[in-house]
Amino acid sequence: MFENSMWLIVVAGGPLLLAILIAYALLTWRHRGPAERRESDRATERLYREGKDRPGGGS
C-alpha cells in the first residue's frame, strides 16, 4: 500500500511542484526599462574603470 501512495506522490506531485515553481518564476520575473538598463550599463562601466585604476587590475 505504501508503495502505491509513494508512486502517486512522485508521479503527480513532481510535475505539480515543477509547474508551481515555473508559474512563480514567470510571475515574479520583470523586465527592466530603458532607464534601468542605462543605469546598469553606467555602473558596469564605472566598475571596469575602477578595476583598471587599481594596481595590478585590468589589462
PDB file of N, CA and C in Angstrom:
ATOM      1  N   MET A   1       0.820  -1.195   0.000  1.00  0.00           N
ATOM      2  CA  MET A   1       0.000   0.000   0.000  1.00  0.00           C
ATOM      3  C   MET A   1       0.863   1.259   0.000  1.00  0.00           C
ATOM      4  N   PHE A   2       1.923   1.255   0.801  1.00  0.00           N
ATOM      5  CA  PHE A   2       2.816   2.419   0.877  1.00  0.00           C
ATOM      6  C   PHE A   2       3.474   2.692  -0.464  1.00  0.00           C
ATOM      7  N   GLU A   3       3.818   1.626  -1.209  1.00  0.00           N
ATOM      8  CA  GLU A   3       4.478   1.796  -2.493  1.00  0.00           C
ATOM      9  C   GLU A   3       3.566   2.519  -3.476  1.00  0.00           C
ATOM     10  N   ASN A   4       2.264   2.189  -3.462  1.00  0.00           N
ATOM     11  CA  ASN A   4       1.326   2.827  -4.382  1.00  0.00           C
ATOM     12  C   ASN A   4       1.157   4.317  -4.079  1.00  0.00           C
ATOM     13  N   SER A   5       1.046   4.660  -2.811  1.00  0.00           N
ATOM     14  CA  SER A   5       0.874   6.071  -2.465  1.00  0.00           C
ATOM     15  C   SER A   5       2.157   6.857  -2.733  1.00  0.00           C
ATOM     16  N   MET A   6       3.292   6.228  -2.510  1.00  0.00           N
ATOM     17  CA  MET A   6       4.558   6.893  -2.799  1.00  0.00           C
ATOM     18  C   MET A   6       4.693   7.131  -4.300  1.00  0.00           C
ATOM     19  N   TRP A   7       4.311   6.170  -5.094  1.00  0.00           N
ATOM     20  CA  TRP A   7       4.362   6.306  -6.551  1.00  0.00           C
ATOM     21  C   TRP A   7       3.439   7.448  -7.012  1.00  0.00           C
ATOM     22  N   LEU A   8       2.261   7.566  -6.407  1.00  0.00           N
ATOM     23  CA  LEU A   8       1.338   8.644  -6.739  1.00  0.00           C
ATOM     24  C   LEU A   8       1.949   9.997  -6.418  1.00  0.00           C
ATOM     25  N   ILE A   9       2.598  10.102  -5.282  1.00  0.00           N
ATOM     26  CA  ILE A   9       3.236  11.368  -4.905  1.00  0.00           C
ATOM     27  C   ILE A   9       4.326  11.729  -5.906  1.00  0.00           C
ATOM     28  N   VAL A  10       5.122  10.758  -6.311  1.00  0.00           N
ATOM     29  CA  VAL A  10       6.214  11.028  -7.242  1.00  0.00           C
ATOM     30  C   VAL A  10       5.667  11.405  -8.616  1.00  0.00           C
ATOM     31  N   VAL A  11       4.712  10.644  -9.112  1.00  0.00           N
ATOM     32  CA  VAL A  11       4.203  10.861 -10.465  1.00  0.00           C
ATOM     33  C   VAL A  11       3.342  12.122 -10.549  1.00  0.00           C
ATOM     34  N   ALA A  12       2.509  12.378  -9.580  1.00  0.00           N
ATOM     35  CA  ALA A  12       1.621  13.537  -9.630  1.00  0.00           C
ATOM     36  C   ALA A  12       2.241  14.760  -8.955  1.00  0.00           C
ATOM     37  N   GLY A  13       2.943  14.554  -7.867  1.00  0.00           N
ATOM     38  CA  GLY A  13       3.492  15.671  -7.103  1.00  0.00           C
ATOM     39  C   GLY A  13       4.672  16.346  -7.761  1.00  0.00           C
ATOM     40  N   GLY A  14       5.519  15.563  -8.402  1.00  0.00           N
ATOM     41  CA  GLY A  14       6.701  16.139  -9.049  1.00  0.00           C
ATOM     42  C   GLY A  14       6.343  17.151 -10.127  1.00  0.00           C
ATOM     43  N   PRO A  15       5.558  16.753 -11.108  1.00  0.00           N
ATOM     44  CA  PRO A  15       5.162  17.725 -12.139  1.00  0.00           C
ATOM     45  C   PRO A  15       4.348  18.897 -11.592  1.00  0.00           C
ATOM     46  N   LEU A  16       3.527  18.648 -10.585  1.00  0.00           N
ATOM     47  CA  LEU A  16       2.748  19.724  -9.978  1.00  0.00           C
ATOM     48  C   LEU A  16       3.669  20.738  -9.311  1.00  0.00           C
ATOM     49  N   LEU A  17       4.646  20.263  -8.578  1.00  0.00           N
ATOM     50  CA  LEU A  17       5.613  21.150  -7.940  1.00  0.00           C
ATOM     51  C   LEU A  17       6.398  21.934  -8.994  1.00  0.00           C
ATOM     52  N   LEU A  18       6.809  21.277 -10.048  1.00  0.00           N
ATOM     53  CA  LEU A  18       7.540  21.941 -11.125  1.00  0.00           C
ATOM     54  C   LEU A  18       6.676  23.023 -11.774  1.00  0.00           C
ATOM     55  N   ALA A  19       5.411  22.737 -12.024  1.00  0.00           N
ATOM     56  CA  ALA A  19       4.504  23.717 -12.626  1.00  0.00           C
ATOM     57  C   ALA A  19       4.324  24.929 -11.710  1.00  0.00           C
ATOM     58  N   ILE A  20       4.216  24.690 -10.417  1.00  0.00           N
ATOM     59  CA  ILE A  20       4.068  25.798  -9.462  1.00  0.00           C
ATOM     60  C   ILE A  20       5.319  26.665  -9.453  1.00  0.00           C
ATOM     61  N   LEU A  21       6.491  26.046  -9.464  1.00  0.00           N
ATOM     62  CA  LEU A  21       7.742  26.807  -9.464  1.00  0.00           C
ATOM     63  C   LEU A  21       7.913  27.615 -10.752  1.00  0.00           C
ATOM     64  N   ILE A  22       7.565  27.044 -11.882  1.00  0.00           N
ATOM     65  CA  ILE A  22       7.660  27.769 -13.155  1.00  0.00           C
ATOM     66  C   ILE A  22       6.685  28.945 -13.169  1.00  0.00           C
ATOM     67  N   ALA A  23       5.456  28.737 -12.705  1.00  0.00           N
ATOM     68  CA  ALA A  23       4.472  29.814 -12.661  1.00  0.00           C
ATOM     69  C   ALA A  23       4.956  30.936 -11.747  1.00  0.00           C
ATOM     70  N   TYR A  24       5.533  30.592 -10.608  1.00  0.00           N
ATOM     71  CA  TYR A  24       6.050  31.603  -9.687  1.00  0.00           C
ATOM     72  C   TYR A  24       7.175  32.406 -10.341  1.00  0.00           C
ATOM     73  N   ALA A  25       8.082  31.712 -11.013  1.00  0.00           N
ATOM     74  CA  ALA A  25       9.196  32.394 -11.676  1.00  0.00           C
ATOM     75  C   ALA A  25       8.692  33.339 -12.758  1.00  0.00           C
ATOM     76  N   LEU A  26       7.724  32.907 -13.535  1.00  0.00           N
ATOM     77  CA  LEU A  26       7.194  33.753 -14.599  1.00  0.00           C
ATOM     78  C   LEU A  26       6.454  34.967 -14.045  1.00  0.00           C
ATOM     79  N   LEU A  27       5.775  34.809 -12.943  1.00  0.00           N
ATOM     80  CA  LEU A  27       5.029  35.924 -12.363  1.00  0.00           C
ATOM     81  C   LEU A  27       5.937  36.944 -11.681  1.00  0.00           C
ATOM     82  N   THR A  28       7.055  36.512 -11.145  1.00  0.00           N
ATOM     83  CA  THR A  28       7.932  37.428 -10.425  1.00  0.00           C
ATOM     84  C   THR A  28       9.023  38.013 -11.305  1.00  0.00           C
ATOM     85  N   TRP A  29       9.231  37.462 -12.492  1.00  0.00           N
ATOM     86  CA  TRP A  29      10.262  37.957 -13.400  1.00  0.00           C
ATOM     87  C   TRP A  29       9.775  39.238 -14.028  1.00  0.00           C
ATOM     88  N   ARG A  30      10.590  40.277 -13.989  1.00  0.00           N
ATOM     89  CA  ARG A  30      10.156  41.537 -14.573  1.00  0.00           C
ATOM     90  C   ARG A  30      11.204  42.049 -15.549  1.00  0.00           C
ATOM     91  N   HIS A  31      10.742  42.834 -16.488  1.00  0.00           N
ATOM     92  CA  HIS A  31      11.634  43.434 -17.485  1.00  0.00           C
ATOM     93  C   HIS A  31      12.139  44.769 -16.963  1.00  0.00           C
ATOM     94  N   ARG A  32      13.397  45.037 -17.260  1.00  0.00           N
ATOM     95  CA  ARG A  32      13.946  46.332 -16.887  1.00  0.00           C
ATOM     96  C   ARG A  32      13.610  47.341 -17.976  1.00  0.00           C
ATOM     97  N   GLY A  33      13.308  48.531 -17.565  1.00  0.00           N
ATOM     98  CA  GLY A  33      13.019  49.599 -18.507  1.00  0.00           C
ATOM     99  C   GLY A  33      14.306  50.192 -19.054  1.00  0.00           C
ATOM    100  N   PRO A  34      14.181  51.081 -20.028  1.00  0.00           N
ATOM    101  CA  PRO A  34      15.373  51.690 -20.633  1.00  0.00           C
ATOM    102  C   PRO A  34      16.230  52.457 -19.623  1.00  0.00           C
ATOM    103  N   ALA A  35      15.606  53.145 -18.697  1.00  0.00           N
ATOM    104  CA  ALA A  35      16.372  53.912 -17.702  1.00  0.00           C
ATOM    105  C   ALA A  35      17.170  52.970 -16.801  1.00  0.00           C
ATOM    106  N   GLU A  36      16.562  51.861 -16.396  1.00  0.00           N
ATOM    107  CA  GLU A  36      17.277  50.896 -15.547  1.00  0.00           C
ATOM    108  C   GLU A  36      18.436  50.258 -16.300  1.00  0.00           C
ATOM    109  N   ARG A  37      18.227  49.963 -17.582  1.00  0.00           N
ATOM    110  CA  ARG A  37      19.311  49.378 -18.382  1.00  0.00           C
ATOM    111  C   ARG A  37      20.480  50.339 -18.522  1.00  0.00           C
ATOM    112  N   ARG A  38      20.175  51.620 -18.780  1.00  0.00           N
ATOM    113  CA  ARG A  38      21.249  52.620 -18.900  1.00  0.00           C
ATOM    114  C   ARG A  38      22.017  52.754 -17.594  1.00  0.00           C
ATOM    115  N   GLU A  39      21.307  52.812 -16.479  1.00  0.00           N
ATOM    116  CA  GLU A  39      21.960  52.931 -15.173  1.00  0.00           C
ATOM    117  C   GLU A  39      22.844  51.714 -14.891  1.00  0.00           C
ATOM    118  N   SER A  40      22.362  50.535 -15.240  1.00  0.00           N
ATOM    119  CA  SER A  40      23.139  49.313 -15.051  1.00  0.00           C
ATOM    120  C   SER A  40      24.404  49.338 -15.908  1.00  0.00           C
ATOM    121  N   ASP A  41      24.266  49.793 -17.149  1.00  0.00           N
ATOM    122  CA  ASP A  41      25.435  49.882 -18.037  1.00  0.00           C
ATOM    123  C   ASP A  41      26.452  50.886 -17.500  1.00  0.00           C
ATOM    124  N   ARG A  42      25.967  52.024 -16.994  1.00  0.00           N
ATOM    125  CA  ARG A  42      26.882  53.019 -16.423  1.00  0.00           C
ATOM    126  C   ARG A  42      27.626  52.454 -15.214  1.00  0.00           C
ATOM    127  N   ALA A  43      26.908  51.764 -14.363  1.00  0.00           N
ATOM    128  CA  ALA A  43      27.543  51.193 -13.171  1.00  0.00           C
ATOM    129  C   ALA A  43      28.575  50.138 -13.551  1.00  0.00           C
ATOM    130  N   THR A  44      28.267  49.339 -14.571  1.00  0.00           N
ATOM    131  CA  THR A  44      29.213  48.323 -15.027  1.00  0.00           C
ATOM    132  C   THR A  44      30.477  48.974 -15.562  1.00  0.00           C
ATOM    133  N   GLU A  45      30.319  50.001 -16.387  1.00  0.00           N
ATOM    134  CA  GLU A  45      31.485  50.715 -16.923  1.00  0.00           C
ATOM    135  C   GLU A  45      32.315  51.333 -15.805  1.00  0.00           C
ATOM    136  N   ARG A  46      31.630  51.907 -14.799  1.00  0.00           N
ATOM    137  CA  ARG A  46      32.347  52.510 -13.672  1.00  0.00           C
ATOM    138  C   ARG A  46      33.178  51.453 -12.931  1.00  0.00           C
ATOM    139  N   LEU A  47      32.595  50.280 -12.726  1.00  0.00           N
ATOM    140  CA  LEU A  47      33.328  49.217 -12.033  1.00  0.00           C
ATOM    141  C   LEU A  47      34.537  48.763 -12.846  1.00  0.00           C
ATOM    142  N   TYR A  48      34.397  48.669 -14.168  1.00  0.00           N
ATOM    143  CA  TYR A  48      35.542  48.293 -15.003  1.00  0.00           C
ATOM    144  C   TYR A  48      36.646  49.346 -14.921  1.00  0.00           C
ATOM    145  N   ARG A  49      36.252  50.637 -14.965  1.00  0.00           N
ATOM    146  CA  ARG A  49      37.257  51.701 -14.867  1.00  0.00           C
ATOM    147  C   ARG A  49      37.966  51.666 -13.525  1.00  0.00           C
ATOM    148  N   GLU A  50      37.209  51.454 -12.435  1.00  0.00           N
ATOM    149  CA  GLU A  50      37.820  51.393 -11.105  1.00  0.00           C
ATOM    150  C   GLU A  50      38.776  50.217 -11.001  1.00  0.00           C
ATOM    151  N   GLY A  51      38.458  49.110 -11.631  1.00  0.00           N
ATOM    152  CA  GLY A  51      39.328  47.938 -11.605  1.00  0.00           C
ATOM    153  C   GLY A  51      40.631  48.180 -12.335  1.00  0.00           C
ATOM    154  N   LYS A  52      40.559  48.941 -13.433  1.00  0.00           N
ATOM    155  CA  LYS A  52      41.774  49.240 -14.211  1.00  0.00           C
ATOM    156  C   LYS A  52      42.654  50.232 -13.483  1.00  0.00           C
ATOM    157  N   ASP A  53      42.062  51.093 -12.645  1.00  0.00           N
ATOM    158  CA  ASP A  53      42.832  52.110 -11.920  1.00  0.00           C
ATOM    159  C   ASP A  53      43.614  51.502 -10.764  1.00  0.00           C
ATOM    160  N   ARG A  54      43.226  50.343 -10.281  1.00  0.00           N
ATOM    161  CA  ARG A  54      43.914  49.727  -9.154  1.00  0.00           C
ATOM    162  C   ARG A  54      45.220  49.086  -9.619  1.00  0.00           C
ATOM    163  N   PRO A  55      46.195  49.022  -8.713  1.00  0.00           N
ATOM    164  CA  PRO A  55      47.453  48.355  -9.056  1.00  0.00           C
ATOM    165  C   PRO A  55      47.222  46.876  -9.385  1.00  0.00           C
ATOM    166  N   GLY A  56      47.722  46.450 -10.509  1.00  0.00           N
ATOM    167  CA  GLY A  56      47.573  45.048 -10.922  1.00  0.00           C
ATOM    168  C   GLY A  56      46.204  44.718 -11.459  1.00  0.00           C
ATOM    169  N   GLY A  57      45.343  45.714 -11.616  1.00  0.00           N
ATOM    170  CA  GLY A  57      43.987  45.451 -12.081  1.00  0.00           C
ATOM    171  C   GLY A  57      43.845  45.695 -13.559  1.00  0.00           C
ATOM    172  N   GLY A  58      43.038  44.875 -14.202  1.00  0.00           N
ATOM    173  CA  GLY A  58      42.707  45.056 -15.611  1.00  0.00           C
ATOM    174  C   GLY A  58      43.884  44.859 -16.533  1.00  0.00           C
ATOM    175  N   SER A  59      43.596  44.779 -17.825  1.00  0.00           N
ATOM    176  CA  SER A  59      44.684  44.660 -18.793  1.00  0.00           C
ATOM    177  C   SER A  59      44.706  45.850 -19.703  1.00  0.00           C
TER     178      SER A  59
END
